[in-house]
Amino acid sequence: MGTLETRRPFPRADAVSAGISAKQLRGSSFRRIFSGGYIDARVPNHPLVRARAALLFHPSTAFASHFSAGRIYGVPLPVHPFEHVTVTCASERTAREGVRCHVARSHAVVPWVLDDVRLSSPVQMFIELASLLSLVDLVVVGDALVRLRLVTVPDLSAACEVSTGRYAKAARRAASYVRARVDSAMETRLRMLILLAGLPEPEVNFEVRDAYGNLRMRFDLSYPEIKLIIEYDGRQHGQRSEQWLHDLKRREELDEQGWRIVVVTSEGIYKKPQDTVERVHRALKQRKFPKGPNRPSDGWQPFLPAA
């Protein structure tokens, strides 16, 4: 098989030159990645592998972008069937099944390099995804980029402000909702449900400390002024009883200190978002939060429709 490195994606032409027959390529030793691209079947199907395979058929100046870059960075994304590659000019575009090819709007775009794969920078990827994701999904990506320390909130906002692309306005809007210290995608979705319903923005990861400065508790989302906690609970049935007992003790301590908790599960976001909005609004009114609206809006419905 010559000197061909088969543990990295390679085109059919290189396989032929190395003495690998078409029959061998169709056998169990190799896996096809896109039309004309192959790899050793033992190599896991990692986002970097698929990006390398997509870039095989483009100029060396091309780079992985959009969903492909997002999967490499490890941000939460909806299921999407295509790899994405960006080239520097329209004449470099090629059509290949399973790959979407884009043209960079500016030659000033400077890709990052990760494990020898050229890809959009985190900020550029966020702006690119404004063309493909809903507002809430894009904020999920932004919160994740900050959580992974790939960008800061000010730097993301600044980059979106100077962007002039077709979807720059959508990127700027999403960036305005991105916050630091968000622990999960579901916390982002819950926060966005509250905000898009026109309710006051809760504080992210508020900390309660004792008289010695030791951390006692941290709340996903809260309104500290009125001691109201909005907490996402993603646990499944049958989890350890030790955690259940710990939560009971925590709940008792919060009750003693006058805190109220509104617990939201995935059902309250994906299946019954209206109920969640009404529960949060009702709790704000009962706690006499001074800035809340008389009634929630339905502005969340285009972005978080009930299943």
C-alpha atoms as a PDB file:
ATOM      1  CA  MET A   1       0.000   0.000   0.000  1.00  0.00           C
ATOM      2  CA  GLY A   2       2.926   2.312  -0.470  1.00  0.00           C
ATOM      3  CA  THR A   3       3.397   5.175   1.976  1.00  0.00           C
ATOM      4  CA  LEU A   4      -0.194   6.392   2.061  1.00  0.00           C
ATOM      5  CA  GLU A   5      -1.291   7.412   5.569  1.00  0.00           C
ATOM      6  CA  THR A   6      -4.667   5.676   5.680  1.00  0.00           C
ATOM      7  CA  ARG A   7      -5.511   6.807   9.212  1.00  0.00           C
ATOM      8  CA  ARG A   8      -6.105  10.271   7.797  1.00  0.00           C
ATOM      9  CA  PRO A   9      -8.728  10.973   5.109  1.00  0.00           C
ATOM     10  CA  PHE A  10      -7.418  10.389   1.581  1.00  0.00           C
ATOM     11  CA  PRO A  11      -8.897  10.720  -1.930  1.00  0.00           C
ATOM     12  CA  ARG A  12      -9.500   7.746  -4.201  1.00  0.00           C
ATOM     13  CA  ALA A  13      -6.742   8.931  -6.558  1.00  0.00           C
ATOM     14  CA  ASP A  14      -4.131   8.670  -3.800  1.00  0.00           C
ATOM     15  CA  ALA A  15      -5.376   5.186  -2.960  1.00  0.00           C
ATOM     16  CA  VAL A  16      -4.938   4.064  -6.570  1.00  0.00           C
ATOM     17  CA  SER A  17      -1.404   5.518  -6.654  1.00  0.00           C
ATOM     18  CA  ALA A  18      -0.572   3.613  -3.472  1.00  0.00           C
ATOM     19  CA  GLY A  19      -1.807   0.336  -4.936  1.00  0.00           C
ATOM     20  CA  ILE A  20      -5.123   0.089  -3.064  1.00  0.00           C
ATOM     21  CA  SER A  21      -7.731  -1.465  -5.334  1.00  0.00           C
ATOM     22  CA  ALA A  22     -11.341  -0.407  -5.694  1.00  0.00           C
ATOM     23  CA  LYS A  23     -12.343  -3.747  -4.179  1.00  0.00           C
ATOM     24  CA  GLN A  24     -10.223  -3.066  -1.099  1.00  0.00           C
ATOM     25  CA  LEU A  25     -11.770   0.396  -0.714  1.00  0.00           C
ATOM     26  CA  ARG A  26     -15.214  -1.191  -0.741  1.00  0.00           C
ATOM     27  CA  GLY A  27     -14.191  -3.787   1.837  1.00  0.00           C
ATOM     28  CA  SER A  28     -14.282  -3.702   5.631  1.00  0.00           C
ATOM     29  CA  SER A  29     -10.808  -2.172   6.008  1.00  0.00           C
ATOM     30  CA  PHE A  30     -11.867   1.293   4.862  1.00  0.00           C
ATOM     31  CA  ARG A  31     -14.747   3.691   5.444  1.00  0.00           C
ATOM     32  CA  ARG A  32     -16.070   6.072   2.811  1.00  0.00           C
ATOM     33  CA  ILE A  33     -16.336   9.730   3.830  1.00  0.00           C
ATOM     34  CA  PHE A  34     -18.149  11.712   1.168  1.00  0.00           C
ATOM     35  CA  SER A  35     -17.837  10.874  -2.496  1.00  0.00           C
ATOM     36  CA  GLY A  36     -14.252   9.947  -3.358  1.00  0.00           C
ATOM     37  CA  GLY A  37     -12.887  10.209   0.197  1.00  0.00           C
ATOM     38  CA  TYR A  38     -11.849   7.309   2.442  1.00  0.00           C
ATOM     39  CA  ILE A  39     -10.181   6.489   5.759  1.00  0.00           C
ATOM     40  CA  ASP A  40      -9.080   3.450   7.745  1.00  0.00           C
ATOM     41  CA  ALA A  41     -12.280   1.963   9.198  1.00  0.00           C
ATOM     42  CA  ARG A  42     -10.705   1.765  12.657  1.00  0.00           C
ATOM     43  CA  VAL A  43     -10.468   5.565  12.975  1.00  0.00           C
ATOM     44  CA  PRO A  44     -13.391   6.982  15.021  1.00  0.00           C
ATOM     45  CA  ASN A  45     -15.797   9.295  13.220  1.00  0.00           C
ATOM     46  CA  HIS A  46     -14.654  12.508  14.967  1.00  0.00           C
ATOM     47  CA  PRO A  47     -15.605  16.053  13.796  1.00  0.00           C
ATOM     48  CA  LEU A  48     -11.933  16.731  13.001  1.00  0.00           C
ATOM     49  CA  VAL A  49     -11.842  13.648  10.767  1.00  0.00           C
ATOM     50  CA  ARG A  50     -14.918  14.721   8.824  1.00  0.00           C
ATOM     51  CA  ALA A  51     -13.595  18.269   8.468  1.00  0.00           C
ATOM     52  CA  ARG A  52     -10.277  16.970   7.106  1.00  0.00           C
ATOM     53  CA  ALA A  53     -12.189  14.822   4.636  1.00  0.00           C
ATOM     54  CA  ALA A  54     -14.316  17.744   3.458  1.00  0.00           C
ATOM     55  CA  LEU A  55     -11.223  19.926   3.011  1.00  0.00           C
ATOM     56  CA  LEU A  56      -9.502  17.279   0.858  1.00  0.00           C
ATOM     57  CA  PHE A  57     -11.385  18.497  -2.189  1.00  0.00           C
ATOM     58  CA  HIS A  58     -10.766  22.226  -1.750  1.00  0.00           C
ATOM     59  CA  PRO A  59      -7.738  24.556  -2.055  1.00  0.00           C
ATOM     60  CA  SER A  60      -5.272  24.771   0.824  1.00  0.00           C
ATOM     61  CA  THR A  61      -6.673  28.200   1.707  1.00  0.00           C
ATOM     62  CA  ALA A  62     -10.121  26.746   2.452  1.00  0.00           C
ATOM     63  CA  PHE A  63     -11.225  26.178   6.037  1.00  0.00           C
ATOM     64  CA  ALA A  64     -13.909  24.336   7.997  1.00  0.00           C
ATOM     65  CA  SER A  65     -16.699  26.698   9.014  1.00  0.00           C
ATOM     66  CA  HIS A  66     -20.268  27.007  10.302  1.00  0.00           C
ATOM     67  CA  PHE A  67     -21.495  23.680  11.758  1.00  0.00           C
ATOM     68  CA  SER A  68     -18.193  21.920  11.060  1.00  0.00           C
ATOM     69  CA  ALA A  69     -16.233  24.447  13.124  1.00  0.00           C
ATOM     70  CA  GLY A  70     -18.868  24.370  15.857  1.00  0.00           C
ATOM     71  CA  ARG A  71     -18.689  20.594  16.165  1.00  0.00           C
ATOM     72  CA  ILE A  72     -14.907  20.759  16.401  1.00  0.00           C
ATOM     73  CA  TYR A  73     -15.099  23.355  19.195  1.00  0.00           C
ATOM     74  CA  GLY A  74     -17.632  21.162  20.987  1.00  0.00           C
ATOM     75  CA  VAL A  75     -20.481  23.656  21.322  1.00  0.00           C
ATOM     76  CA  PRO A  76     -24.098  22.380  21.566  1.00  0.00           C
ATOM     77  CA  LEU A  77     -25.679  22.315  18.110  1.00  0.00           C
ATOM     78  CA  PRO A  78     -28.862  20.921  16.571  1.00  0.00           C
ATOM     79  CA  VAL A  79     -28.510  17.809  14.425  1.00  0.00           C
ATOM     80  CA  HIS A  80     -27.336  18.877  10.976  1.00  0.00           C
ATOM     81  CA  PRO A  81     -26.465  16.602   8.017  1.00  0.00           C
ATOM     82  CA  PHE A  82     -23.750  18.634   6.264  1.00  0.00           C
ATOM     83  CA  GLU A  83     -20.120  19.555   6.671  1.00  0.00           C
ATOM     84  CA  HIS A  84     -19.297  23.183   5.883  1.00  0.00           C
ATOM     85  CA  VAL A  85     -16.254  24.547   4.088  1.00  0.00           C
ATOM     86  CA  THR A  86     -15.470  28.181   3.243  1.00  0.00           C
ATOM     87  CA  VAL A  87     -13.255  29.218   0.313  1.00  0.00           C
ATOM     88  CA  THR A  88     -11.764  32.614  -0.456  1.00  0.00           C
ATOM     89  CA  CYS A  89     -13.373  33.204  -3.859  1.00  0.00           C
ATOM     90  CA  ALA A  90     -16.325  31.922  -5.863  1.00  0.00           C
ATOM     91  CA  SER A  91     -14.145  30.197  -8.469  1.00  0.00           C
ATOM     92  CA  GLU A  92     -12.862  27.822  -5.763  1.00  0.00           C
ATOM     93  CA  ARG A  93     -16.292  26.476  -4.882  1.00  0.00           C
ATOM     94  CA  THR A  94     -16.887  22.804  -5.600  1.00  0.00           C
ATOM     95  CA  ALA A  95     -20.032  20.726  -5.314  1.00  0.00           C
ATOM     96  CA  ARG A  96     -19.848  17.522  -3.308  1.00  0.00           C
ATOM     97  CA  GLU A  97     -22.581  15.485  -1.694  1.00  0.00           C
ATOM     98  CA  GLY A  98     -22.734  16.082   2.047  1.00  0.00           C
ATOM     99  CA  VAL A  99     -20.655  19.282   1.945  1.00  0.00           C
ATOM    100  CA  ARG A 100     -21.849  22.877   1.802  1.00  0.00           C
ATOM    101  CA  CYS A 101     -19.326  25.284   0.326  1.00  0.00           C
ATOM    102  CA  HIS A 102     -19.378  28.992   1.205  1.00  0.00           C
ATOM    103  CA  VAL A 103     -17.395  31.991  -0.020  1.00  0.00           C
ATOM    104  CA  ALA A 104     -15.706  34.240   2.542  1.00  0.00           C
ATOM    105  CA  ARG A 105     -16.995  37.800   2.400  1.00  0.00           C
ATOM    106  CA  SER A 106     -13.553  39.197   3.169  1.00  0.00           C
ATOM    107  CA  HIS A 107      -9.977  38.107   2.536  1.00  0.00           C
ATOM    108  CA  ALA A 108      -9.214  39.579   5.954  1.00  0.00           C
ATOM    109  CA  VAL A 109     -10.805  36.530   7.604  1.00  0.00           C
ATOM    110  CA  VAL A 110      -7.985  34.701   9.380  1.00  0.00           C
ATOM    111  CA  PRO A 111      -8.776  31.049  10.197  1.00  0.00           C
ATOM    112  CA  TRP A 112      -7.574  29.303  13.299  1.00  0.00           C
ATOM    113  CA  VAL A 113      -5.629  26.051  13.071  1.00  0.00           C
ATOM    114  CA  LEU A 114      -6.418  23.105  15.347  1.00  0.00           C
ATOM    115  CA  ASP A 115      -4.587  19.788  14.896  1.00  0.00           C
ATOM    116  CA  ASP A 116      -3.538  21.031  11.421  1.00  0.00           C
ATOM    117  CA  VAL A 117      -7.163  21.683  10.411  1.00  0.00           C
ATOM    118  CA  ARG A 118      -7.936  25.224   9.299  1.00  0.00           C
ATOM    119  CA  LEU A 119     -11.248  26.411  10.714  1.00  0.00           C
ATOM    120  CA  SER A 120     -13.217  29.551  11.473  1.00  0.00           C
ATOM    121  CA  SER A 121     -12.267  31.312  14.691  1.00  0.00           C
ATOM    122  CA  PRO A 122     -14.866  30.953  17.474  1.00  0.00           C
ATOM    123  CA  VAL A 123     -16.141  34.492  16.912  1.00  0.00           C
ATOM    124  CA  GLN A 124     -16.313  34.070  13.130  1.00  0.00           C
ATOM    125  CA  MET A 125     -18.088  30.749  13.551  1.00  0.00           C
ATOM    126  CA  PHE A 126     -20.698  32.415  15.790  1.00  0.00           C
ATOM    127  CA  ILE A 127     -21.349  35.051  13.113  1.00  0.00           C
ATOM    128  CA  GLU A 128     -21.519  32.378  10.393  1.00  0.00           C
ATOM    129  CA  LEU A 129     -24.069  30.365  12.346  1.00  0.00           C
ATOM    130  CA  ALA A 130     -26.389  33.377  12.500  1.00  0.00           C
ATOM    131  CA  SER A 131     -27.372  32.377   8.954  1.00  0.00           C
ATOM    132  CA  LEU A 132     -28.396  28.870  10.019  1.00  0.00           C
ATOM    133  CA  LEU A 133     -29.577  28.901  13.637  1.00  0.00           C
ATOM    134  CA  SER A 134     -32.535  30.377  15.458  1.00  0.00           C
ATOM    135  CA  LEU A 135     -31.970  33.136  18.006  1.00  0.00           C
ATOM    136  CA  VAL A 136     -32.125  30.767  20.986  1.00  0.00           C
ATOM    137  CA  ASP A 137     -29.843  28.138  19.433  1.00  0.00           C
ATOM    138  CA  LEU A 138     -27.311  30.854  18.593  1.00  0.00           C
ATOM    139  CA  VAL A 139     -27.342  32.192  22.162  1.00  0.00           C
ATOM    140  CA  VAL A 140     -26.751  28.604  23.330  1.00  0.00           C
ATOM    141  CA  VAL A 141     -23.632  28.573  21.125  1.00  0.00           C
ATOM    142  CA  GLY A 142     -22.473  31.949  22.450  1.00  0.00           C
ATOM    143  CA  ASP A 143     -22.897  30.958  26.094  1.00  0.00           C
ATOM    144  CA  ALA A 144     -20.978  27.741  25.392  1.00  0.00           C
ATOM    145  CA  LEU A 145     -18.106  29.609  23.711  1.00  0.00           C
ATOM    146  CA  VAL A 146     -17.768  31.786  26.808  1.00  0.00           C
ATOM    147  CA  ARG A 147     -18.058  28.767  29.108  1.00  0.00           C
ATOM    148  CA  LEU A 148     -15.295  26.987  27.150  1.00  0.00           C
ATOM    149  CA  ARG A 149     -13.138  30.134  27.404  1.00  0.00           C
ATOM    150  CA  LEU A 150     -12.915  30.441  23.637  1.00  0.00           C
ATOM    151  CA  VAL A 151     -14.159  34.029  23.725  1.00  0.00           C
ATOM    152  CA  THR A 152     -15.288  36.663  26.213  1.00  0.00           C
ATOM    153  CA  VAL A 153     -18.667  38.380  26.185  1.00  0.00           C
ATOM    154  CA  PRO A 154     -17.153  41.818  25.370  1.00  0.00           C
ATOM    155  CA  ASP A 155     -15.010  40.437  22.543  1.00  0.00           C
ATOM    156  CA  LEU A 156     -17.953  38.573  21.022  1.00  0.00           C
ATOM    157  CA  SER A 157     -20.168  41.658  21.175  1.00  0.00           C
ATOM    158  CA  ALA A 158     -17.438  43.862  19.698  1.00  0.00           C
ATOM    159  CA  ALA A 159     -16.854  41.493  16.771  1.00  0.00           C
ATOM    160  CA  CYS A 160     -20.559  41.317  15.991  1.00  0.00           C
ATOM    161  CA  GLU A 161     -20.851  45.108  16.135  1.00  0.00           C
ATOM    162  CA  VAL A 162     -18.308  45.590  13.364  1.00  0.00           C
ATOM    163  CA  SER A 163     -19.565  42.704  11.236  1.00  0.00           C
ATOM    164  CA  THR A 164     -21.196  43.811   7.974  1.00  0.00           C
ATOM    165  CA  GLY A 165     -22.431  40.480   6.658  1.00  0.00           C
ATOM    166  CA  ARG A 166     -25.959  39.698   5.626  1.00  0.00           C
ATOM    167  CA  TYR A 167     -26.731  38.126   8.989  1.00  0.00           C
ATOM    168  CA  ALA A 168     -24.757  40.574  11.124  1.00  0.00           C
ATOM    169  CA  LYS A 169     -27.943  41.992  12.665  1.00  0.00           C
ATOM    170  CA  ALA A 170     -29.024  38.520  13.805  1.00  0.00           C
ATOM    171  CA  ALA A 171     -25.543  37.886  15.232  1.00  0.00           C
ATOM    172  CA  ARG A 172     -25.601  41.184  17.115  1.00  0.00           C
ATOM    173  CA  ARG A 173     -29.005  40.420  18.593  1.00  0.00           C
ATOM    174  CA  ALA A 174     -27.903  36.980  19.771  1.00  0.00           C
ATOM    175  CA  ALA A 175     -24.627  38.346  21.172  1.00  0.00           C
ATOM    176  CA  SER A 176     -26.593  40.839  23.276  1.00  0.00           C
ATOM    177  CA  TYR A 177     -28.106  37.883  25.167  1.00  0.00           C
ATOM    178  CA  VAL A 178     -24.854  35.969  25.725  1.00  0.00           C
ATOM    179  CA  ARG A 179     -23.779  35.819  29.361  1.00  0.00           C
ATOM    180  CA  ALA A 180     -20.776  34.528  31.291  1.00  0.00           C
ATOM    181  CA  ARG A 181     -20.882  31.653  33.788  1.00  0.00           C
ATOM    182  CA  VAL A 182     -23.827  29.822  32.221  1.00  0.00           C
ATOM    183  CA  ASP A 183     -23.433  26.149  33.070  1.00  0.00           C
ATOM    184  CA  SER A 184     -25.484  24.415  30.384  1.00  0.00           C
ATOM    185  CA  ALA A 185     -27.487  24.757  27.192  1.00  0.00           C
ATOM    186  CA  MET A 186     -30.729  24.089  29.069  1.00  0.00           C
ATOM    187  CA  GLU A 187     -30.014  26.960  31.452  1.00  0.00           C
ATOM    188  CA  THR A 188     -29.596  29.167  28.398  1.00  0.00           C
ATOM    189  CA  ARG A 189     -32.914  27.986  26.986  1.00  0.00           C
ATOM    190  CA  LEU A 190     -34.683  28.615  30.284  1.00  0.00           C
ATOM    191  CA  ARG A 191     -33.208  32.101  30.571  1.00  0.00           C
ATOM    192  CA  MET A 192     -34.181  32.911  26.992  1.00  0.00           C
ATOM    193  CA  LEU A 193     -37.737  31.671  27.573  1.00  0.00           C
ATOM    194  CA  ILE A 194     -38.016  34.072  30.501  1.00  0.00           C
ATOM    195  CA  LEU A 195     -36.522  36.998  28.592  1.00  0.00           C
ATOM    196  CA  LEU A 196     -38.476  36.486  25.370  1.00  0.00           C
ATOM    197  CA  ALA A 197     -41.650  36.389  27.453  1.00  0.00           C
ATOM    198  CA  GLY A 198     -40.846  39.954  28.474  1.00  0.00           C
ATOM    199  CA  LEU A 199     -40.033  39.057  32.071  1.00  0.00           C
ATOM    200  CA  PRO A 200     -37.117  40.668  33.946  1.00  0.00           C
ATOM    201  CA  GLU A 201     -33.723  39.085  33.389  1.00  0.00           C
ATOM    202  CA  PRO A 202     -32.621  36.817  36.226  1.00  0.00           C
ATOM    203  CA  GLU A 203     -29.067  36.884  37.519  1.00  0.00           C
ATOM    204  CA  VAL A 204     -26.827  34.036  36.365  1.00  0.00           C
ATOM    205  CA  ASN A 205     -25.075  31.881  38.969  1.00  0.00           C
ATOM    206  CA  PHE A 206     -25.702  34.099  41.985  1.00  0.00           C
ATOM    207  CA  GLU A 207     -23.603  32.943  44.954  1.00  0.00           C
ATOM    208  CA  VAL A 208     -24.566  32.782  48.622  1.00  0.00           C
ATOM    209  CA  ARG A 209     -21.606  32.888  51.042  1.00  0.00           C
ATOM    210  CA  ASP A 210     -21.349  32.555  54.788  1.00  0.00           C
ATOM    211  CA  ALA A 211     -19.909  35.093  57.225  1.00  0.00           C
ATOM    212  CA  TYR A 212     -16.403  33.817  56.466  1.00  0.00           C
ATOM    213  CA  GLY A 213     -16.731  34.177  52.697  1.00  0.00           C
ATOM    214  CA  ASN A 214     -17.134  30.467  52.044  1.00  0.00           C
ATOM    215  CA  LEU A 215     -19.442  29.511  49.195  1.00  0.00           C
ATOM    216  CA  ARG A 216     -22.642  27.978  50.533  1.00  0.00           C
ATOM    217  CA  MET A 217     -24.852  27.797  47.440  1.00  0.00           C
ATOM    218  CA  ARG A 218     -24.958  28.840  43.795  1.00  0.00           C
ATOM    219  CA  PHE A 219     -28.199  29.341  41.866  1.00  0.00           C
ATOM    220  CA  ASP A 220     -28.604  28.818  38.113  1.00  0.00           C
ATOM    221  CA  LEU A 221     -30.962  31.775  37.718  1.00  0.00           C
ATOM    222  CA  SER A 222     -32.322  33.996  40.447  1.00  0.00           C
ATOM    223  CA  TYR A 223     -33.732  37.334  41.521  1.00  0.00           C
ATOM    224  CA  PRO A 224     -31.694  37.943  44.681  1.00  0.00           C
ATOM    225  CA  GLU A 225     -33.624  41.107  45.564  1.00  0.00           C
ATOM    226  CA  ILE A 226     -36.748  39.051  46.280  1.00  0.00           C
ATOM    227  CA  LYS A 227     -35.050  35.733  47.112  1.00  0.00           C
ATOM    228  CA  LEU A 228     -36.541  33.912  44.134  1.00  0.00           C
ATOM    229  CA  ILE A 229     -34.675  31.048  42.435  1.00  0.00           C
ATOM    230  CA  ILE A 230     -35.488  29.664  38.966  1.00  0.00           C
ATOM    231  CA  GLU A 231     -33.701  26.337  38.720  1.00  0.00           C
ATOM    232  CA  TYR A 232     -33.439  23.861  35.867  1.00  0.00           C
ATOM    233  CA  ASP A 233     -33.468  20.236  36.993  1.00  0.00           C
ATOM    234  CA  GLY A 234     -32.260  17.844  34.319  1.00  0.00           C
ATOM    235  CA  ARG A 235     -31.939  14.733  36.445  1.00  0.00           C
ATOM    236  CA  GLN A 236     -33.553  11.468  35.462  1.00  0.00           C
ATOM    237  CA  HIS A 237     -35.599   9.145  37.663  1.00  0.00           C
ATOM    238  CA  GLY A 238     -33.601   6.646  39.650  1.00  0.00           C
ATOM    239  CA  GLN A 239     -30.572   8.810  40.363  1.00  0.00           C
ATOM    240  CA  ARG A 240     -28.731   8.312  43.631  1.00  0.00           C
ATOM    241  CA  SER A 241     -30.693   8.756  46.860  1.00  0.00           C
ATOM    242  CA  GLU A 242     -27.685  10.584  48.329  1.00  0.00           C
ATOM    243  CA  GLN A 243     -28.295  13.445  45.910  1.00  0.00           C
ATOM    244  CA  TRP A 244     -31.983  13.468  46.772  1.00  0.00           C
ATOM    245  CA  LEU A 245     -31.169  13.725  50.486  1.00  0.00           C
ATOM    246  CA  HIS A 246     -28.645  16.473  49.794  1.00  0.00           C
ATOM    247  CA  ASP A 247     -31.281  18.431  47.876  1.00  0.00           C
ATOM    248  CA  LEU A 248     -33.800  18.049  50.701  1.00  0.00           C
ATOM    249  CA  LYS A 249     -31.289  19.463  53.164  1.00  0.00           C
ATOM    250  CA  ARG A 250     -30.491  22.299  50.767  1.00  0.00           C
ATOM    251  CA  ARG A 251     -34.214  23.030  50.322  1.00  0.00           C
ATOM    252  CA  GLU A 252     -34.716  23.195  54.087  1.00  0.00           C
ATOM    253  CA  GLU A 253     -31.819  25.616  54.425  1.00  0.00           C
ATOM    254  CA  LEU A 254     -33.229  27.826  51.672  1.00  0.00           C
ATOM    255  CA  ASP A 255     -36.666  27.782  53.295  1.00  0.00           C
ATOM    256  CA  GLU A 256     -35.146  28.893  56.586  1.00  0.00           C
ATOM    257  CA  GLN A 257     -33.511  31.831  54.808  1.00  0.00           C
ATOM    258  CA  GLY A 258     -36.725  32.841  53.047  1.00  0.00           C
ATOM    259  CA  TRP A 259     -35.833  31.747  49.494  1.00  0.00           C
ATOM    260  CA  ARG A 260     -38.436  30.344  47.114  1.00  0.00           C
ATOM    261  CA  ILE A 261     -37.549  27.920  44.303  1.00  0.00           C
ATOM    262  CA  VAL A 262     -39.352  27.461  41.000  1.00  0.00           C
ATOM    263  CA  VAL A 263     -38.035  24.183  39.559  1.00  0.00           C
ATOM    264  CA  VAL A 264     -38.254  23.685  35.776  1.00  0.00           C
ATOM    265  CA  THR A 265     -37.652  20.401  33.961  1.00  0.00           C
ATOM    266  CA  SER A 266     -37.090  19.759  30.264  1.00  0.00           C
ATOM    267  CA  GLU A 267     -40.847  19.312  29.860  1.00  0.00           C
ATOM    268  CA  GLY A 268     -41.317  22.892  31.034  1.00  0.00           C
ATOM    269  CA  ILE A 269     -39.103  24.110  28.192  1.00  0.00           C
ATOM    270  CA  TYR A 270     -39.887  21.767  25.305  1.00  0.00           C
ATOM    271  CA  LYS A 271     -43.491  20.701  25.968  1.00  0.00           C
ATOM    272  CA  LYS A 272     -45.073  23.235  28.315  1.00  0.00           C
ATOM    273  CA  PRO A 273     -43.177  26.520  27.961  1.00  0.00           C
ATOM    274  CA  GLN A 274     -46.360  28.549  28.509  1.00  0.00           C
ATOM    275  CA  ASP A 275     -46.798  26.922  31.915  1.00  0.00           C
ATOM    276  CA  THR A 276     -43.199  27.804  32.817  1.00  0.00           C
ATOM    277  CA  VAL A 277     -43.680  31.433  31.793  1.00  0.00           C
ATOM    278  CA  GLU A 278     -46.848  31.670  33.872  1.00  0.00           C
ATOM    279  CA  ARG A 279     -45.189  30.038  36.901  1.00  0.00           C
ATOM    280  CA  VAL A 280     -42.242  32.442  36.815  1.00  0.00           C
ATOM    281  CA  HIS A 281     -44.506  35.452  36.251  1.00  0.00           C
ATOM    282  CA  ARG A 282     -46.773  34.383  39.119  1.00  0.00           C
ATOM    283  CA  ALA A 283     -43.809  33.959  41.463  1.00  0.00           C
ATOM    284  CA  LEU A 284     -42.475  37.407  40.537  1.00  0.00           C
ATOM    285  CA  LYS A 285     -45.853  38.970  41.271  1.00  0.00           C
ATOM    286  CA  GLN A 286     -46.236  37.112  44.574  1.00  0.00           C
ATOM    287  CA  ARG A 287     -42.782  38.242  45.626  1.00  0.00           C
ATOM    288  CA  LYS A 288     -43.665  41.800  44.524  1.00  0.00           C
ATOM    289  CA  PHE A 289     -40.774  42.199  42.096  1.00  0.00           C
ATOM    290  CA  PRO A 290     -41.006  45.909  41.160  1.00  0.00           C
ATOM    291  CA  LYS A 291     -39.999  45.720  37.470  1.00  0.00           C
ATOM    292  CA  GLY A 292     -42.169  42.913  36.118  1.00  0.00           C
ATOM    293  CA  PRO A 293     -44.901  43.379  33.463  1.00  0.00           C
ATOM    294  CA  ASN A 294     -48.592  42.980  34.264  1.00  0.00           C
ATOM    295  CA  ARG A 295     -48.700  40.015  31.907  1.00  0.00           C
ATOM    296  CA  PRO A 296     -46.057  38.057  29.938  1.00  0.00           C
ATOM    297  CA  SER A 297     -45.732  38.481  26.192  1.00  0.00           C
ATOM    298  CA  ASP A 298     -45.824  35.660  23.659  1.00  0.00           C
ATOM    299  CA  GLY A 299     -42.508  36.742  22.101  1.00  0.00           C
ATOM    300  CA  TRP A 300     -40.979  33.384  22.984  1.00  0.00           C
ATOM    301  CA  GLN A 301     -43.322  31.372  20.780  1.00  0.00           C
ATOM    302  CA  PRO A 302     -41.423  31.658  17.437  1.00  0.00           C
ATOM    303  CA  PHE A 303     -38.225  30.439  19.123  1.00  0.00           C
ATOM    304  CA  LEU A 304     -39.382  27.911  21.730  1.00  0.00           C
ATOM    305  CA  PRO A 305     -42.618  26.408  20.433  1.00  0.00           C
ATOM    306  CA  ALA A 306     -44.243  23.679  22.455  1.00  0.00           C
ATOM    307  CA  ALA A 307     -43.828  20.181  21.012  1.00  0.00           C
END
